[in-house]
């Protein structure tokens, strides 16, 4: 758990990660205007939860730190929105 709750949530993109082989539509939403509701807690899936500036995402992708398809689709969509949702 990040310890934050989004003030508003909007649909970002819907995609098929393995189109033609599996029908598995994924919908991704972006949360904005975060409010801290508790202290972050570490789960088995995440070693550490930190804020990362959106401007650093291309570098994280280039170095292979962000590599899974779902994250790439969502982050690349967010980065190409001409400031519509990318400002937060």
PDB file of N, CA and C in Angstrom:
ATOM      1  N   UNK A   1       0.834  -1.164   0.000  1.00  0.00           N
ATOM      2  CA  UNK A   1       0.000   0.000   0.000  1.00  0.00           C
ATOM      3  C   UNK A   1       0.889   1.240   0.000  1.00  0.00           C
ATOM      4  N   UNK A   2       0.575   2.185  -0.854  1.00  0.00           N
ATOM      5  CA  UNK A   2       1.392   3.388  -0.975  1.00  0.00           C
ATOM      6  C   UNK A   2       1.169   4.367   0.166  1.00  0.00           C
ATOM      7  N   UNK A   3       0.007   4.288   0.810  1.00  0.00           N
ATOM      8  CA  UNK A   3      -0.323   5.241   1.856  1.00  0.00           C
ATOM      9  C   UNK A   3      -1.070   6.453   1.323  1.00  0.00           C
ATOM     10  N   UNK A   4      -1.325   6.468   0.012  1.00  0.00           N
ATOM     11  CA  UNK A   4      -2.004   7.602  -0.617  1.00  0.00           C
ATOM     12  C   UNK A   4      -3.307   7.167  -1.271  1.00  0.00           C
ATOM     13  N   UNK A   5      -4.242   8.095  -1.327  1.00  0.00           N
ATOM     14  CA  UNK A   5      -5.509   7.876  -2.016  1.00  0.00           C
ATOM     15  C   UNK A   5      -5.641   8.960  -3.077  1.00  0.00           C
ATOM     16  N   UNK A   6      -6.060   8.570  -4.269  1.00  0.00           N
ATOM     17  CA  UNK A   6      -6.219   9.543  -5.360  1.00  0.00           C
ATOM     18  C   UNK A   6      -7.433  10.417  -5.124  1.00  0.00           C
ATOM     19  N   UNK A   7      -7.275  11.709  -5.378  1.00  0.00           N
ATOM     20  CA  UNK A   7      -8.392  12.629  -5.287  1.00  0.00           C
ATOM     21  C   UNK A   7      -9.346  12.469  -6.450  1.00  0.00           C
ATOM     22  N   UNK A   8      -8.795  12.119  -7.602  1.00  0.00           N
ATOM     23  CA  UNK A   8      -9.621  11.830  -8.781  1.00  0.00           C
ATOM     24  C   UNK A   8      -8.949  10.739  -9.594  1.00  0.00           C
ATOM     25  N   UNK A   9      -9.766   9.942 -10.235  1.00  0.00           N
ATOM     26  CA  UNK A   9      -9.292   8.812 -11.033  1.00  0.00           C
ATOM     27  C   UNK A   9      -9.943   8.901 -12.401  1.00  0.00           C
ATOM     28  N   UNK A  10      -9.130   8.798 -13.452  1.00  0.00           N
ATOM     29  CA  UNK A  10      -9.666   8.838 -14.814  1.00  0.00           C
ATOM     30  C   UNK A  10      -9.108   7.679 -15.635  1.00  0.00           C
ATOM     31  N   UNK A  11      -9.886   7.253 -16.615  1.00  0.00           N
ATOM     32  CA  UNK A  11      -9.463   6.178 -17.513  1.00  0.00           C
ATOM     33  C   UNK A  11      -8.304   6.671 -18.361  1.00  0.00           C
ATOM     34  N   UNK A  12      -7.261   5.873 -18.455  1.00  0.00           N
ATOM     35  CA  UNK A  12      -6.086   6.242 -19.234  1.00  0.00           C
ATOM     36  C   UNK A  12      -6.068   5.511 -20.572  1.00  0.00           C
ATOM     37  N   UNK A  13      -6.203   4.181 -20.531  1.00  0.00           N
ATOM     38  CA  UNK A  13      -6.129   3.406 -21.775  1.00  0.00           C
ATOM     39  C   UNK A  13      -6.651   1.992 -21.506  1.00  0.00           C
ATOM     40  N   UNK A  14      -7.165   1.366 -22.543  1.00  0.00           N
ATOM     41  CA  UNK A  14      -7.549  -0.040 -22.510  1.00  0.00           C
ATOM     42  C   UNK A  14      -6.789  -0.729 -23.634  1.00  0.00           C
ATOM     43  N   UNK A  15      -6.187  -1.878 -23.336  1.00  0.00           N
ATOM     44  CA  UNK A  15      -5.384  -2.567 -24.343  1.00  0.00           C
ATOM     45  C   UNK A  15      -5.473  -4.075 -24.160  1.00  0.00           C
ATOM     46  N   UNK A  16      -5.083  -4.792 -25.206  1.00  0.00           N
ATOM     47  CA  UNK A  16      -4.993  -6.253 -25.201  1.00  0.00           C
ATOM     48  C   UNK A  16      -3.506  -6.618 -25.168  1.00  0.00           C
ATOM     49  N   UNK A  17      -2.996  -7.186 -24.086  1.00  0.00           N
ATOM     50  CA  UNK A  17      -1.573  -7.489 -24.020  1.00  0.00           C
ATOM     51  C   UNK A  17      -1.112  -8.620 -24.940  1.00  0.00           C
ATOM     52  N   UNK A  18      -1.996  -9.529 -25.302  1.00  0.00           N
ATOM     53  CA  UNK A  18      -1.619 -10.639 -26.176  1.00  0.00           C
ATOM     54  C   UNK A  18      -2.720 -10.798 -27.226  1.00  0.00           C
ATOM     55  N   UNK A  19      -2.913  -9.765 -28.006  1.00  0.00           N
ATOM     56  CA  UNK A  19      -3.989  -9.764 -28.995  1.00  0.00           C
ATOM     57  C   UNK A  19      -3.843 -10.931 -29.955  1.00  0.00           C
ATOM     58  N   UNK A  20      -4.956 -11.588 -30.236  1.00  0.00           N
ATOM     59  CA  UNK A  20      -4.962 -12.716 -31.159  1.00  0.00           C
ATOM     60  C   UNK A  20      -4.735 -14.056 -30.494  1.00  0.00           C
ATOM     61  N   UNK A  21      -4.055 -14.077 -29.359  1.00  0.00           N
ATOM     62  CA  UNK A  21      -3.794 -15.340 -28.681  1.00  0.00           C
ATOM     63  C   UNK A  21      -4.702 -15.531 -27.466  1.00  0.00           C
ATOM     64  N   UNK A  22      -4.935 -14.434 -26.758  1.00  0.00           N
ATOM     65  CA  UNK A  22      -5.740 -14.481 -25.545  1.00  0.00           C
ATOM     66  C   UNK A  22      -6.623 -13.239 -25.508  1.00  0.00           C
ATOM     67  N   UNK A  23      -7.890 -13.420 -25.168  1.00  0.00           N
ATOM     68  CA  UNK A  23      -8.777 -12.272 -25.003  1.00  0.00           C
ATOM     69  C   UNK A  23      -8.701 -11.841 -23.548  1.00  0.00           C
ATOM     70  N   UNK A  24      -7.893 -10.820 -23.285  1.00  0.00           N
ATOM     71  CA  UNK A  24      -7.644 -10.390 -21.913  1.00  0.00           C
ATOM     72  C   UNK A  24      -7.503  -8.874 -21.875  1.00  0.00           C
ATOM     73  N   UNK A  25      -8.614  -8.189 -22.054  1.00  0.00           N
ATOM     74  CA  UNK A  25      -8.606  -6.729 -22.088  1.00  0.00           C
ATOM     75  C   UNK A  25      -8.174  -6.165 -20.730  1.00  0.00           C
ATOM     76  N   UNK A  26      -7.232  -5.234 -20.764  1.00  0.00           N
ATOM     77  CA  UNK A  26      -6.749  -4.572 -19.555  1.00  0.00           C
ATOM     78  C   UNK A  26      -7.125  -3.101 -19.625  1.00  0.00           C
ATOM     79  N   UNK A  27      -7.725  -2.584 -18.574  1.00  0.00           N
ATOM     80  CA  UNK A  27      -8.039  -1.157 -18.482  1.00  0.00           C
ATOM     81  C   UNK A  27      -7.141  -0.543 -17.427  1.00  0.00           C
ATOM     82  N   UNK A  28      -6.542   0.600 -17.767  1.00  0.00           N
ATOM     83  CA  UNK A  28      -5.623   1.281 -16.862  1.00  0.00           C
ATOM     84  C   UNK A  28      -6.201   2.649 -16.536  1.00  0.00           C
ATOM     85  N   UNK A  29      -6.138   3.007 -15.273  1.00  0.00           N
ATOM     86  CA  UNK A  29      -6.627   4.297 -14.804  1.00  0.00           C
ATOM     87  C   UNK A  29      -5.474   5.060 -14.184  1.00  0.00           C
ATOM     88  N   UNK A  30      -5.567   6.385 -14.202  1.00  0.00           N
ATOM     89  CA  UNK A  30      -4.548   7.217 -13.568  1.00  0.00           C
ATOM     90  C   UNK A  30      -5.206   7.970 -12.415  1.00  0.00           C
ATOM     91  N   UNK A  31      -4.530   7.950 -11.281  1.00  0.00           N
ATOM     92  CA  UNK A  31      -5.000   8.678 -10.115  1.00  0.00           C
ATOM     93  C   UNK A  31      -4.229   9.982  -9.986  1.00  0.00           C
ATOM     94  N   UNK A  32      -4.944  11.043  -9.660  1.00  0.00           N
ATOM     95  CA  UNK A  32      -4.302  12.350  -9.517  1.00  0.00           C
ATOM     96  C   UNK A  32      -4.735  13.002  -8.209  1.00  0.00           C
ATOM     97  N   UNK A  33      -4.066  14.084  -7.859  1.00  0.00           N
ATOM     98  CA  UNK A  33      -4.354  14.833  -6.639  1.00  0.00           C
ATOM     99  C   UNK A  33      -4.311  13.930  -5.411  1.00  0.00           C
ATOM    100  N   UNK A  34      -3.154  13.294  -5.151  1.00  0.00           N
ATOM    101  CA  UNK A  34      -3.056  12.334  -4.051  1.00  0.00           C
ATOM    102  C   UNK A  34      -3.155  12.985  -2.675  1.00  0.00           C
ATOM    103  N   UNK A  35      -3.733  12.240  -1.752  1.00  0.00           N
ATOM    104  CA  UNK A  35      -3.841  12.648  -0.357  1.00  0.00           C
ATOM    105  C   UNK A  35      -3.261  11.516   0.487  1.00  0.00           C
ATOM    106  N   UNK A  36      -2.340  11.846   1.386  1.00  0.00           N
ATOM    107  CA  UNK A  36      -1.776  10.802   2.235  1.00  0.00           C
ATOM    108  C   UNK A  36      -2.787  10.425   3.305  1.00  0.00           C
ATOM    109  N   UNK A  37      -3.109   9.121   3.364  1.00  0.00           N
ATOM    110  CA  UNK A  37      -4.104   8.632   4.315  1.00  0.00           C
ATOM    111  C   UNK A  37      -3.485   7.748   5.405  1.00  0.00           C
ATOM    112  N   UNK A  38      -2.267   7.258   5.168  1.00  0.00           N
ATOM    113  CA  UNK A  38      -1.552   6.463   6.160  1.00  0.00           C
ATOM    114  C   UNK A  38      -0.102   6.336   5.726  1.00  0.00           C
ATOM    115  N   UNK A  39       0.702   5.722   6.553  1.00  0.00           N
ATOM    116  CA  UNK A  39       2.094   5.480   6.202  1.00  0.00           C
ATOM    117  C   UNK A  39       2.173   4.344   5.183  1.00  0.00           C
ATOM    118  N   UNK A  40       3.102   4.424   4.236  1.00  0.00           N
ATOM    119  CA  UNK A  40       3.248   3.329   3.272  1.00  0.00           C
ATOM    120  C   UNK A  40       3.614   2.017   3.958  1.00  0.00           C
ATOM    121  N   UNK A  41       3.102   0.917   3.415  1.00  0.00           N
ATOM    122  CA  UNK A  41       3.465  -0.403   3.912  1.00  0.00           C
ATOM    123  C   UNK A  41       4.021  -1.206   2.747  1.00  0.00           C
ATOM    124  N   UNK A  42       5.046  -1.973   3.011  1.00  0.00           N
ATOM    125  CA  UNK A  42       5.684  -2.782   1.977  1.00  0.00           C
ATOM    126  C   UNK A  42       4.951  -4.113   1.886  1.00  0.00           C
ATOM    127  N   UNK A  43       4.681  -4.544   0.652  1.00  0.00           N
ATOM    128  CA  UNK A  43       4.082  -5.857   0.443  1.00  0.00           C
ATOM    129  C   UNK A  43       5.105  -6.764  -0.214  1.00  0.00           C
ATOM    130  N   UNK A  44       4.743  -8.005  -0.395  1.00  0.00           N
ATOM    131  CA  UNK A  44       5.669  -8.945  -1.018  1.00  0.00           C
ATOM    132  C   UNK A  44       5.918  -8.617  -2.484  1.00  0.00           C
ATOM    133  N   UNK A  45       5.007  -7.873  -3.121  1.00  0.00           N
ATOM    134  CA  UNK A  45       5.176  -7.549  -4.537  1.00  0.00           C
ATOM    135  C   UNK A  45       6.088  -6.356  -4.760  1.00  0.00           C
ATOM    136  N   UNK A  46       6.173  -5.473  -3.774  1.00  0.00           N
ATOM    137  CA  UNK A  46       6.927  -4.238  -3.933  1.00  0.00           C
ATOM    138  C   UNK A  46       7.971  -4.158  -2.831  1.00  0.00           C
ATOM    139  N   UNK A  47       9.213  -3.959  -3.222  1.00  0.00           N
ATOM    140  CA  UNK A  47      10.257  -3.815  -2.224  1.00  0.00           C
ATOM    141  C   UNK A  47      10.245  -2.448  -1.581  1.00  0.00           C
ATOM    142  N   UNK A  48       9.863  -1.431  -2.352  1.00  0.00           N
ATOM    143  CA  UNK A  48       9.856  -0.071  -1.843  1.00  0.00           C
ATOM    144  C   UNK A  48       8.906   0.755  -2.705  1.00  0.00           C
ATOM    145  N   UNK A  49       8.121   1.604  -2.096  1.00  0.00           N
ATOM    146  CA  UNK A  49       7.214   2.487  -2.830  1.00  0.00           C
ATOM    147  C   UNK A  49       7.711   3.911  -2.685  1.00  0.00           C
ATOM    148  N   UNK A  50       8.021   4.557  -3.801  1.00  0.00           N
ATOM    149  CA  UNK A  50       8.516   5.932  -3.809  1.00  0.00           C
ATOM    150  C   UNK A  50       7.819   6.731  -4.897  1.00  0.00           C
ATOM    151  N   UNK A  51       7.777   8.051  -4.709  1.00  0.00           N
ATOM    152  CA  UNK A  51       7.314   8.938  -5.773  1.00  0.00           C
ATOM    153  C   UNK A  51       8.425   9.028  -6.806  1.00  0.00           C
ATOM    154  N   UNK A  52       8.060   8.942  -8.055  1.00  0.00           N
ATOM    155  CA  UNK A  52       9.009   9.081  -9.146  1.00  0.00           C
ATOM    156  C   UNK A  52       8.485  10.159 -10.087  1.00  0.00           C
ATOM    157  N   UNK A  53       9.248  11.203 -10.324  1.00  0.00           N
ATOM    158  CA  UNK A  53       8.777  12.247 -11.237  1.00  0.00           C
ATOM    159  C   UNK A  53       8.523  11.668 -12.628  1.00  0.00           C
ATOM    160  N   UNK A  54       7.438  12.085 -13.237  1.00  0.00           N
ATOM    161  CA  UNK A  54       7.084  11.589 -14.566  1.00  0.00           C
ATOM    162  C   UNK A  54       8.207  11.851 -15.565  1.00  0.00           C
ATOM    163  N   UNK A  55       8.942  12.928 -15.370  1.00  0.00           N
ATOM    164  CA  UNK A  55      10.042  13.273 -16.285  1.00  0.00           C
ATOM    165  C   UNK A  55      11.157  12.226 -16.269  1.00  0.00           C
ATOM    166  N   UNK A  56      11.255  11.442 -15.190  1.00  0.00           N
ATOM    167  CA  UNK A  56      12.316  10.435 -15.112  1.00  0.00           C
ATOM    168  C   UNK A  56      11.922   9.108 -15.749  1.00  0.00           C
ATOM    169  N   UNK A  57      10.662   8.952 -16.129  1.00  0.00           N
ATOM    170  CA  UNK A  57      10.177   7.683 -16.672  1.00  0.00           C
ATOM    171  C   UNK A  57      10.897   7.267 -17.963  1.00  0.00           C
ATOM    172  N   UNK A  58      11.110   8.167 -18.938  1.00  0.00           N
ATOM    173  CA  UNK A  58      11.832   7.717 -20.144  1.00  0.00           C
ATOM    174  C   UNK A  58      13.210   7.121 -19.829  1.00  0.00           C
ATOM    175  N   UNK A  59      13.918   7.695 -18.879  1.00  0.00           N
ATOM    176  CA  UNK A  59      15.212   7.150 -18.486  1.00  0.00           C
ATOM    177  C   UNK A  59      15.092   5.787 -17.827  1.00  0.00           C
ATOM    178  N   UNK A  60      14.058   5.604 -17.004  1.00  0.00           N
ATOM    179  CA  UNK A  60      13.837   4.308 -16.360  1.00  0.00           C
ATOM    180  C   UNK A  60      13.493   3.236 -17.393  1.00  0.00           C
ATOM    181  N   UNK A  61      12.755   3.627 -18.418  1.00  0.00           N
ATOM    182  CA  UNK A  61      12.444   2.687 -19.497  1.00  0.00           C
ATOM    183  C   UNK A  61      13.717   2.358 -20.278  1.00  0.00           C
ATOM    184  N   UNK A  62      14.498   3.377 -20.590  1.00  0.00           N
ATOM    185  CA  UNK A  62      15.723   3.183 -21.381  1.00  0.00           C
ATOM    186  C   UNK A  62      16.728   2.276 -20.677  1.00  0.00           C
ATOM    187  N   UNK A  63      16.785   2.346 -19.353  1.00  0.00           N
ATOM    188  CA  UNK A  63      17.746   1.511 -18.617  1.00  0.00           C
ATOM    189  C   UNK A  63      17.180   0.138 -18.256  1.00  0.00           C
ATOM    190  N   UNK A  64      15.923  -0.115 -18.630  1.00  0.00           N
ATOM    191  CA  UNK A  64      15.329  -1.415 -18.366  1.00  0.00           C
ATOM    192  C   UNK A  64      14.742  -1.568 -16.976  1.00  0.00           C
ATOM    193  N   UNK A  65      14.672  -0.474 -16.211  1.00  0.00           N
ATOM    194  CA  UNK A  65      14.087  -0.561 -14.873  1.00  0.00           C
ATOM    195  C   UNK A  65      12.567  -0.681 -14.932  1.00  0.00           C
ATOM    196  N   UNK A  66      11.965  -0.171 -15.985  1.00  0.00           N
ATOM    197  CA  UNK A  66      10.539  -0.386 -16.263  1.00  0.00           C
ATOM    198  C   UNK A  66      10.503  -1.199 -17.542  1.00  0.00           C
ATOM    199  N   UNK A  67       9.989  -2.439 -17.452  1.00  0.00           N
ATOM    200  CA  UNK A  67      10.087  -3.323 -18.618  1.00  0.00           C
ATOM    201  C   UNK A  67       8.832  -4.132 -18.900  1.00  0.00           C
ATOM    202  N   UNK A  68       7.888  -4.211 -17.977  1.00  0.00           N
ATOM    203  CA  UNK A  68       6.739  -5.071 -18.272  1.00  0.00           C
ATOM    204  C   UNK A  68       5.724  -4.342 -19.149  1.00  0.00           C
ATOM    205  N   UNK A  69       5.016  -5.098 -19.948  1.00  0.00           N
ATOM    206  CA  UNK A  69       4.138  -4.548 -20.981  1.00  0.00           C
ATOM    207  C   UNK A  69       3.068  -3.623 -20.429  1.00  0.00           C
ATOM    208  N   UNK A  70       2.409  -4.024 -19.364  1.00  0.00           N
ATOM    209  CA  UNK A  70       1.343  -3.197 -18.805  1.00  0.00           C
ATOM    210  C   UNK A  70       1.844  -1.843 -18.346  1.00  0.00           C
ATOM    211  N   UNK A  71       2.971  -1.826 -17.674  1.00  0.00           N
ATOM    212  CA  UNK A  71       3.553  -0.558 -17.212  1.00  0.00           C
ATOM    213  C   UNK A  71       3.993   0.299 -18.388  1.00  0.00           C
ATOM    214  N   UNK A  72       4.620  -0.330 -19.381  1.00  0.00           N
ATOM    215  CA  UNK A  72       5.080   0.424 -20.548  1.00  0.00           C
ATOM    216  C   UNK A  72       3.913   1.058 -21.305  1.00  0.00           C
ATOM    217  N   UNK A  73       2.868   0.294 -21.554  1.00  0.00           N
ATOM    218  CA  UNK A  73       1.704   0.825 -22.273  1.00  0.00           C
ATOM    219  C   UNK A  73       1.134   2.025 -21.520  1.00  0.00           C
ATOM    220  N   UNK A  74       0.926   1.865 -20.226  1.00  0.00           N
ATOM    221  CA  UNK A  74       0.320   2.932 -19.429  1.00  0.00           C
ATOM    222  C   UNK A  74       1.215   4.161 -19.352  1.00  0.00           C
ATOM    223  N   UNK A  75       2.490   3.968 -19.059  1.00  0.00           N
ATOM    224  CA  UNK A  75       3.384   5.106 -18.913  1.00  0.00           C
ATOM    225  C   UNK A  75       3.626   5.828 -20.233  1.00  0.00           C
ATOM    226  N   UNK A  76       3.784   5.077 -21.316  1.00  0.00           N
ATOM    227  CA  UNK A  76       3.983   5.729 -22.615  1.00  0.00           C
ATOM    228  C   UNK A  76       2.739   6.500 -23.036  1.00  0.00           C
ATOM    229  N   UNK A  77       1.566   5.965 -22.741  1.00  0.00           N
ATOM    230  CA  UNK A  77       0.327   6.708 -23.023  1.00  0.00           C
ATOM    231  C   UNK A  77       0.273   7.989 -22.199  1.00  0.00           C
ATOM    232  N   UNK A  78       0.594   7.891 -20.929  1.00  0.00           N
ATOM    233  CA  UNK A  78       0.574   9.062 -20.052  1.00  0.00           C
ATOM    234  C   UNK A  78       1.555  10.124 -20.536  1.00  0.00           C
ATOM    235  N   UNK A  79       2.722   9.696 -20.989  1.00  0.00           N
ATOM    236  CA  UNK A  79       3.747  10.636 -21.457  1.00  0.00           C
ATOM    237  C   UNK A  79       3.368  11.319 -22.772  1.00  0.00           C
ATOM    238  N   UNK A  80       2.451  10.741 -23.530  1.00  0.00           N
ATOM    239  CA  UNK A  80       2.097  11.294 -24.844  1.00  0.00           C
ATOM    240  C   UNK A  80       0.763  12.025 -24.834  1.00  0.00           C
ATOM    241  N   UNK A  81       0.266  12.384 -23.680  1.00  0.00           N
ATOM    242  CA  UNK A  81      -1.059  13.007 -23.589  1.00  0.00           C
ATOM    243  C   UNK A  81      -1.042  14.518 -23.713  1.00  0.00           C
ATOM    244  N   UNK A  82       0.050  15.113 -24.126  1.00  0.00           N
ATOM    245  CA  UNK A  82       0.129  16.570 -24.327  1.00  0.00           C
ATOM    246  C   UNK A  82      -0.333  17.363 -23.113  1.00  0.00           C
ATOM    247  N   UNK A  83       0.042  16.903 -21.918  1.00  0.00           N
ATOM    248  CA  UNK A  83      -0.273  17.636 -20.709  1.00  0.00           C
ATOM    249  C   UNK A  83      -1.689  17.439 -20.169  1.00  0.00           C
ATOM    250  N   UNK A  84      -2.539  16.674 -20.846  1.00  0.00           N
ATOM    251  CA  UNK A  84      -3.908  16.473 -20.381  1.00  0.00           C
ATOM    252  C   UNK A  84      -3.938  15.865 -18.989  1.00  0.00           C
ATOM    253  N   UNK A  85      -3.182  14.808 -18.780  1.00  0.00           N
ATOM    254  CA  UNK A  85      -3.132  14.164 -17.462  1.00  0.00           C
ATOM    255  C   UNK A  85      -1.707  14.059 -16.969  1.00  0.00           C
ATOM    256  N   UNK A  86      -0.745  14.369 -17.829  1.00  0.00           N
ATOM    257  CA  UNK A  86       0.655  14.172 -17.482  1.00  0.00           C
ATOM    258  C   UNK A  86       1.194  15.232 -16.541  1.00  0.00           C
ATOM    259  N   UNK A  87       0.408  16.232 -16.188  1.00  0.00           N
ATOM    260  CA  UNK A  87       0.917  17.276 -15.324  1.00  0.00           C
ATOM    261  C   UNK A  87       1.005  16.831 -13.870  1.00  0.00           C
ATOM    262  N   UNK A  88       0.373  15.692 -13.508  1.00  0.00           N
ATOM    263  CA  UNK A  88       0.430  15.224 -12.115  1.00  0.00           C
ATOM    264  C   UNK A  88       0.996  13.829 -12.058  1.00  0.00           C
TER     265      UNK A  88
END
